[in-house]
Amino acid sequence: MKKIINPFYEYFPIKQNNLEYIVSNVFRPEISFKEEDHSLIASVKERAYTIFGLDDIINYPGKKIKGSDSYFQGRIIGERVLSLIMQELMIDAEKKIRKNPNIGFDFDIIEEENKNIGKELVVTYNDKYLLKHKGRINFTILEKSPEMNPSYSYHQEKHGLQATELDALGYFHCGYIKRKKGIDYSDKNTLEILLVGEAKTSKNSHHFKKWDHNMDNSKNIVDKVFNPLVSLYKSHEFVYVFLAPDNILWDNNSHKVRKIPSKIIRQLEDVNIGTILIPFPNMPKEFNYYTWKIANILRLIRKTKKFHKK
């Protein structure tokens, strides 16, 4: 049987002779946004995605409204848009291969069930790493330290040690069908790909200079993210999806990749992991408008709750 080619390859950056990278094919789905009273809905063709809604505002975990803007911009809007784009990226990949009736597919964003959000349930683990849910679509990787007392294994957050957060994970499996029973995972041609997503919403390059400094002076993305995931998912290939504003990714719409994303690409190339750079979609209004609107709704909800408690 013919080998199945990784359908995400076409979006990987291309290395130039001068060791710079350029993205010749940018994944940029057409997204429309509709603002409602307490929500923002995104649509791609007939598919609708809730970017934020009333439940997100009511369930804001902070005690103070001041400072909620960074939570809603990054954790809610940024990660929900990332999830949307990763889902559309996998739909795009499936369309490229599905013409072959002998190939089956299974793909989705990995989400926690509503009833379990906040419980931080374990997804998988081995003798060194543990992956657990953090929220609806984000995760935490914990590393077991050999110096720790066995009873404290994997409890880094409680003991001041480092844990790594992942903004989103998606899986994309495709392979030849075995007697109409689904994908034959024993076939060497079967592709099992794990997409690892990260979203940056700030257009301020100063934030990324600090991030660059941290990469040089601590464990890099391979150490913190992909070594644990490769250890936990040995049969999988990996693709890193990095969502950020255009001015952070490349120079003047030339799609020549800037210094910091280029550093990430090189680090991942060294361990045979591909990177897909995706520009943050243009939204109808700036982030500060949405976070201002959310803060006002949140303020009203909390005042109403206080009134009814009297």
Protein backbone atom coordinates (compact mmCIF):
# COMPACT_ATOMS: atom_id res chain seq x y z
CA MET A 1 0.00 0.00 0.00
CA LYS A 2 1.13 3.53 -0.76
CA LYS A 3 2.62 5.52 2.10
CA ILE A 4 0.34 8.27 3.46
CA ILE A 5 2.08 11.64 3.36
CA ASN A 6 1.73 13.95 6.36
CA PRO A 7 -0.96 16.41 5.13
CA PHE A 8 0.42 19.27 7.25
CA TYR A 9 3.79 19.40 5.46
CA GLU A 10 2.71 22.07 3.01
CA TYR A 11 2.37 24.61 5.84
CA PHE A 12 5.84 24.01 7.34
CA PRO A 13 8.36 26.87 6.97
CA ILE A 14 11.02 26.48 4.27
CA LYS A 15 14.68 27.09 5.10
CA GLN A 16 16.46 29.52 2.76
CA ASN A 17 20.17 29.43 1.82
CA ASN A 18 20.99 32.07 4.46
CA LEU A 19 19.37 29.90 7.18
CA GLU A 20 16.33 32.16 7.29
CA TYR A 21 12.83 30.71 7.03
CA ILE A 22 9.93 31.67 4.81
CA VAL A 23 6.36 30.40 4.85
CA SER A 24 5.21 29.96 1.25
CA ASN A 25 1.75 28.62 2.10
CA VAL A 26 -0.01 30.29 5.03
CA PHE A 27 -3.04 28.60 6.58
CA ARG A 28 -5.58 31.39 6.95
CA PRO A 29 -9.22 30.21 7.12
CA GLU A 30 -11.97 32.71 6.35
CA ILE A 31 -13.54 33.45 9.73
CA SER A 32 -16.51 35.73 10.35
CA PHE A 33 -17.41 37.02 13.80
CA LYS A 34 -20.83 37.87 15.21
CA GLU A 35 -21.18 39.80 18.45
CA GLU A 36 -24.23 39.11 20.59
CA ASP A 37 -25.32 40.52 23.96
CA HIS A 38 -23.06 38.35 26.11
CA SER A 39 -21.04 36.41 23.57
CA LEU A 40 -18.83 36.38 20.51
CA ILE A 41 -19.47 33.70 17.88
CA ALA A 42 -17.06 32.79 15.09
CA SER A 43 -18.15 31.01 11.91
CA VAL A 44 -16.24 29.14 9.23
CA LYS A 45 -18.61 28.15 6.43
CA GLU A 46 -21.47 26.32 8.20
CA ARG A 47 -19.46 25.64 11.38
CA ALA A 48 -19.97 27.90 14.43
CA TYR A 49 -17.60 28.29 17.39
CA THR A 50 -18.26 30.15 20.66
CA ILE A 51 -15.26 32.38 21.44
CA PHE A 52 -16.75 33.54 24.73
CA GLY A 53 -20.20 33.32 26.26
CA LEU A 54 -22.11 34.09 29.42
CA ASP A 55 -20.93 30.89 31.14
CA ASP A 56 -17.30 31.98 30.68
CA ILE A 57 -18.06 35.31 32.33
CA ILE A 58 -20.06 33.83 35.21
CA ASN A 59 -17.37 31.22 35.87
CA TYR A 60 -14.46 33.69 35.94
CA PRO A 61 -12.31 32.35 38.83
CA GLY A 62 -10.79 35.66 39.95
CA LYS A 63 -12.02 37.39 43.08
CA LYS A 64 -11.31 40.86 41.68
CA ILE A 65 -12.53 42.16 38.32
CA LYS A 66 -9.38 44.24 37.95
CA GLY A 67 -6.88 42.12 36.04
CA SER A 68 -9.56 40.02 34.34
CA ASP A 69 -8.58 41.45 30.94
CA SER A 70 -5.43 39.31 30.64
CA TYR A 71 -7.40 36.18 31.60
CA PHE A 72 -10.14 36.75 29.04
CA GLN A 73 -7.77 37.89 26.29
CA GLY A 74 -5.34 35.00 26.65
CA ARG A 75 -7.06 32.10 28.38
CA ILE A 76 -10.51 32.52 26.82
CA ILE A 77 -10.36 34.43 23.51
CA GLY A 78 -6.82 33.42 22.53
CA GLU A 79 -7.20 29.74 23.33
CA ARG A 80 -10.70 29.46 21.83
CA VAL A 81 -9.50 30.99 18.55
CA LEU A 82 -6.52 28.60 18.65
CA SER A 83 -8.88 25.66 19.13
CA LEU A 84 -11.02 26.83 16.20
CA ILE A 85 -8.00 27.18 13.90
CA MET A 86 -6.56 23.79 14.89
CA GLN A 87 -9.93 22.17 14.19
CA GLU A 88 -10.13 23.87 10.78
CA LEU A 89 -6.53 22.85 10.05
CA MET A 90 -7.44 19.20 10.65
CA ILE A 91 -10.60 19.50 8.54
CA ASP A 92 -8.42 20.94 5.76
CA ALA A 93 -5.98 18.01 6.11
CA GLU A 94 -8.78 15.45 6.03
CA LYS A 95 -10.18 16.90 2.78
CA LYS A 96 -6.81 16.43 1.06
CA ILE A 97 -6.70 12.71 1.76
CA ARG A 98 -10.34 11.59 1.87
CA LYS A 99 -10.57 11.06 -1.92
CA ASN A 100 -9.10 7.62 -1.26
CA PRO A 101 -12.06 5.47 -0.07
CA ASN A 102 -9.68 2.98 1.55
CA ILE A 103 -8.41 5.53 4.10
CA GLY A 104 -10.24 6.29 7.34
CA PHE A 105 -9.93 9.26 9.68
CA ASP A 106 -10.29 10.15 13.32
CA PHE A 107 -9.47 13.66 14.51
CA ASP A 108 -10.58 16.24 17.05
CA ILE A 109 -9.51 18.78 19.64
CA ILE A 110 -9.02 17.12 23.02
CA GLU A 111 -11.50 18.71 25.45
CA GLU A 112 -12.52 18.01 29.00
CA GLU A 113 -16.18 17.21 29.67
CA ASN A 114 -18.14 20.08 31.19
CA LYS A 115 -18.87 18.12 34.39
CA ASN A 116 -15.13 17.57 34.97
CA ILE A 117 -13.76 21.06 34.25
CA GLY A 118 -11.73 22.23 37.23
CA LYS A 119 -11.07 18.72 38.56
CA GLU A 120 -7.74 18.53 36.66
CA LEU A 121 -8.17 14.86 35.84
CA VAL A 122 -5.18 12.87 34.57
CA VAL A 123 -5.05 12.11 30.83
CA THR A 124 -2.02 9.80 30.82
CA TYR A 125 1.27 9.24 32.65
CA ASN A 126 4.40 7.11 32.81
CA ASP A 127 7.23 6.73 35.32
CA LYS A 128 8.55 10.26 34.60
CA TYR A 129 5.77 12.50 33.24
CA LEU A 130 2.10 13.14 33.86
CA LEU A 131 -0.33 14.97 31.56
CA LYS A 132 -3.52 16.33 33.10
CA HIS A 133 -6.37 18.64 32.15
CA LYS A 134 -6.08 22.23 33.34
CA GLY A 135 -9.29 23.71 31.93
CA ARG A 136 -11.58 22.93 29.02
CA ILE A 137 -8.88 22.68 26.32
CA ASN A 138 -5.60 23.40 28.09
CA PHE A 139 -3.30 21.01 29.92
CA THR A 140 -0.44 20.79 32.38
CA ILE A 141 2.65 18.59 32.05
CA LEU A 142 4.26 17.58 35.35
CA GLU A 143 7.70 15.98 35.58
CA LYS A 144 8.57 13.55 38.34
CA SER A 145 11.77 14.54 40.08
CA PRO A 146 14.06 11.69 41.21
CA GLU A 147 15.08 13.74 44.27
CA MET A 148 11.53 13.96 45.57
CA ASN A 149 9.95 11.77 48.21
CA PRO A 150 7.85 9.14 46.35
CA SER A 151 4.70 10.33 48.09
CA TYR A 152 5.16 13.74 46.41
CA SER A 153 5.54 12.35 42.88
CA TYR A 154 4.09 14.66 40.21
CA HIS A 155 3.00 17.31 42.72
CA GLN A 156 5.40 19.99 41.45
CA GLU A 157 2.89 22.83 41.64
CA LYS A 158 2.49 22.35 45.39
CA HIS A 159 6.22 22.14 46.03
CA GLY A 160 7.47 25.11 43.99
CA LEU A 161 8.82 23.14 41.05
CA GLN A 162 8.16 23.90 37.41
CA ALA A 163 5.12 22.71 35.51
CA THR A 164 4.47 23.37 31.83
CA GLU A 165 1.10 24.48 30.46
CA LEU A 166 -0.20 23.61 26.99
CA ASP A 167 -2.83 25.84 25.38
CA ALA A 168 -4.42 23.10 23.26
CA LEU A 169 -3.97 19.57 21.94
CA GLY A 170 -5.53 17.92 18.92
CA TYR A 171 -5.12 14.45 17.41
CA PHE A 172 -5.21 13.50 13.74
CA HIS A 173 -5.21 9.79 12.84
CA CYS A 174 -5.53 8.45 9.32
CA GLY A 175 -4.81 5.04 7.86
CA TYR A 176 -6.02 2.22 5.69
CA ILE A 177 -9.29 0.61 6.78
CA LYS A 178 -9.18 -3.02 7.90
CA ARG A 179 -12.25 -4.94 6.68
CA LYS A 180 -14.56 -1.97 7.35
CA LYS A 181 -13.67 -2.10 11.05
CA GLY A 182 -11.93 1.25 11.09
CA ILE A 183 -8.30 2.32 10.90
CA ASP A 184 -5.77 -0.50 10.99
CA TYR A 185 -3.38 0.79 13.67
CA SER A 186 -1.08 -2.19 13.14
CA ASP A 187 -0.30 -0.99 9.61
CA LYS A 188 3.03 0.86 9.37
CA ASN A 189 1.46 3.40 6.97
CA THR A 190 -1.01 4.65 9.58
CA LEU A 191 -0.40 8.24 10.66
CA GLU A 192 -0.94 9.21 14.30
CA ILE A 193 -0.26 12.91 14.69
CA LEU A 194 -0.57 15.02 17.83
CA LEU A 195 -0.98 18.76 17.24
CA VAL A 196 0.33 20.92 20.08
CA GLY A 197 -1.03 24.47 20.03
CA GLU A 198 0.16 27.71 21.57
CA ALA A 199 -1.51 31.12 21.26
CA LYS A 200 0.02 34.56 21.75
CA THR A 201 -2.37 37.50 21.48
CA SER A 202 -0.11 40.47 22.23
CA LYS A 203 1.26 42.55 19.34
CA ASN A 204 3.89 44.01 21.67
CA SER A 205 7.26 42.61 20.56
CA HIS A 206 8.76 43.50 23.98
CA HIS A 207 6.83 40.58 25.51
CA PHE A 208 8.49 38.25 23.03
CA LYS A 209 11.98 39.57 23.75
CA LYS A 210 11.47 38.48 27.36
CA TRP A 211 10.22 35.10 26.10
CA ASP A 212 13.34 34.82 23.91
CA HIS A 213 15.55 35.56 26.93
CA ASN A 214 13.78 32.85 28.92
CA MET A 215 14.36 30.32 26.12
CA ASP A 216 18.09 31.01 26.26
CA ASN A 217 18.33 30.78 30.03
CA SER A 218 16.09 27.85 30.89
CA LYS A 219 14.77 24.67 29.36
CA ASN A 220 13.62 25.21 25.79
CA ILE A 221 10.41 24.05 24.13
CA VAL A 222 11.85 20.62 23.35
CA ASP A 223 12.82 20.02 26.99
CA LYS A 224 9.61 21.36 28.50
CA VAL A 225 6.96 20.27 26.01
CA PHE A 226 8.02 17.72 23.42
CA ASN A 227 10.34 15.42 25.34
CA PRO A 228 7.49 14.68 27.78
CA LEU A 229 4.89 14.27 25.01
CA VAL A 230 7.14 12.01 22.92
CA SER A 231 7.69 9.91 26.04
CA LEU A 232 3.93 9.69 26.66
CA TYR A 233 2.86 9.15 23.02
CA LYS A 234 5.61 7.05 21.47
CA SER A 235 3.67 6.05 18.34
CA HIS A 236 2.83 9.63 17.35
CA GLU A 237 4.37 12.25 15.12
CA PHE A 238 4.10 15.83 16.38
CA VAL A 239 3.23 19.19 14.86
CA TYR A 240 3.60 22.48 16.74
CA VAL A 241 0.92 25.07 15.88
CA PHE A 242 1.92 28.61 16.87
CA LEU A 243 -0.79 31.28 16.62
CA ALA A 244 0.32 34.92 16.94
CA PRO A 245 -0.22 38.36 15.35
CA ASP A 246 1.34 38.89 11.91
CA ASN A 247 3.95 41.37 13.17
CA ILE A 248 5.29 38.76 15.62
CA LEU A 249 5.58 36.01 13.02
CA TRP A 250 7.13 37.69 9.98
CA ASP A 251 8.47 40.87 8.39
CA ASN A 252 6.14 43.26 6.57
CA ASN A 253 3.81 40.64 5.09
CA SER A 254 6.77 39.05 3.29
CA HIS A 255 6.29 35.85 5.32
CA LYS A 256 10.00 35.85 6.07
CA VAL A 257 9.99 34.52 9.62
CA ARG A 258 11.26 36.72 12.45
CA LYS A 259 14.05 35.84 14.88
CA ILE A 260 12.11 34.32 17.79
CA PRO A 261 9.77 32.05 15.77
CA SER A 262 12.81 31.02 13.70
CA LYS A 263 14.58 29.92 16.86
CA ILE A 264 11.60 27.72 17.78
CA ILE A 265 11.48 26.23 14.28
CA ARG A 266 15.19 25.31 14.42
CA GLN A 267 14.91 23.75 17.88
CA LEU A 268 12.00 21.59 16.73
CA GLU A 269 13.56 20.69 13.38
CA ASP A 270 16.51 19.22 15.28
CA VAL A 271 14.13 16.63 16.77
CA ASN A 272 12.07 16.10 13.59
CA ILE A 273 9.04 18.12 14.67
CA GLY A 274 7.35 20.44 12.19
CA THR A 275 6.04 23.91 13.00
CA ILE A 276 3.02 25.68 11.53
CA LEU A 277 2.90 29.45 12.02
CA ILE A 278 -0.61 30.87 11.77
CA PRO A 279 -1.49 34.59 11.96
CA PHE A 280 -4.15 35.58 14.47
CA PRO A 281 -7.32 36.36 12.48
CA ASN A 282 -8.52 39.92 12.13
CA MET A 283 -11.31 40.50 14.62
CA PRO A 284 -14.01 43.18 14.22
CA LYS A 285 -12.75 45.07 17.28
CA GLU A 286 -9.63 45.23 19.43
CA PHE A 287 -9.13 42.93 22.42
CA ASN A 288 -9.52 45.80 24.89
CA TYR A 289 -13.08 46.37 23.65
CA TYR A 290 -14.07 42.76 24.34
CA THR A 291 -12.33 42.62 27.72
CA TRP A 292 -13.96 45.96 28.67
CA LYS A 293 -17.37 44.60 27.66
CA ILE A 294 -16.78 41.36 29.61
CA ALA A 295 -15.66 43.30 32.70
CA ASN A 296 -18.85 45.37 32.62
CA ILE A 297 -21.04 42.26 32.34
CA LEU A 298 -19.06 40.60 35.14
CA ARG A 299 -19.46 43.69 37.34
CA LEU A 300 -23.23 43.68 36.77
CA ILE A 301 -23.52 39.95 37.51
CA ARG A 302 -21.64 40.28 40.79
CA LYS A 303 -23.65 43.32 41.87
CA THR A 304 -26.86 41.42 41.15
CA LYS A 305 -25.66 38.43 43.19
CA LYS A 306 -24.82 40.70 46.14
CA PHE A 307 -28.25 42.35 45.92
CA HIS A 308 -30.06 39.00 46.02
CA LYS A 309 -28.00 37.85 49.01
CA LYS A 310 -29.24 40.78 51.10
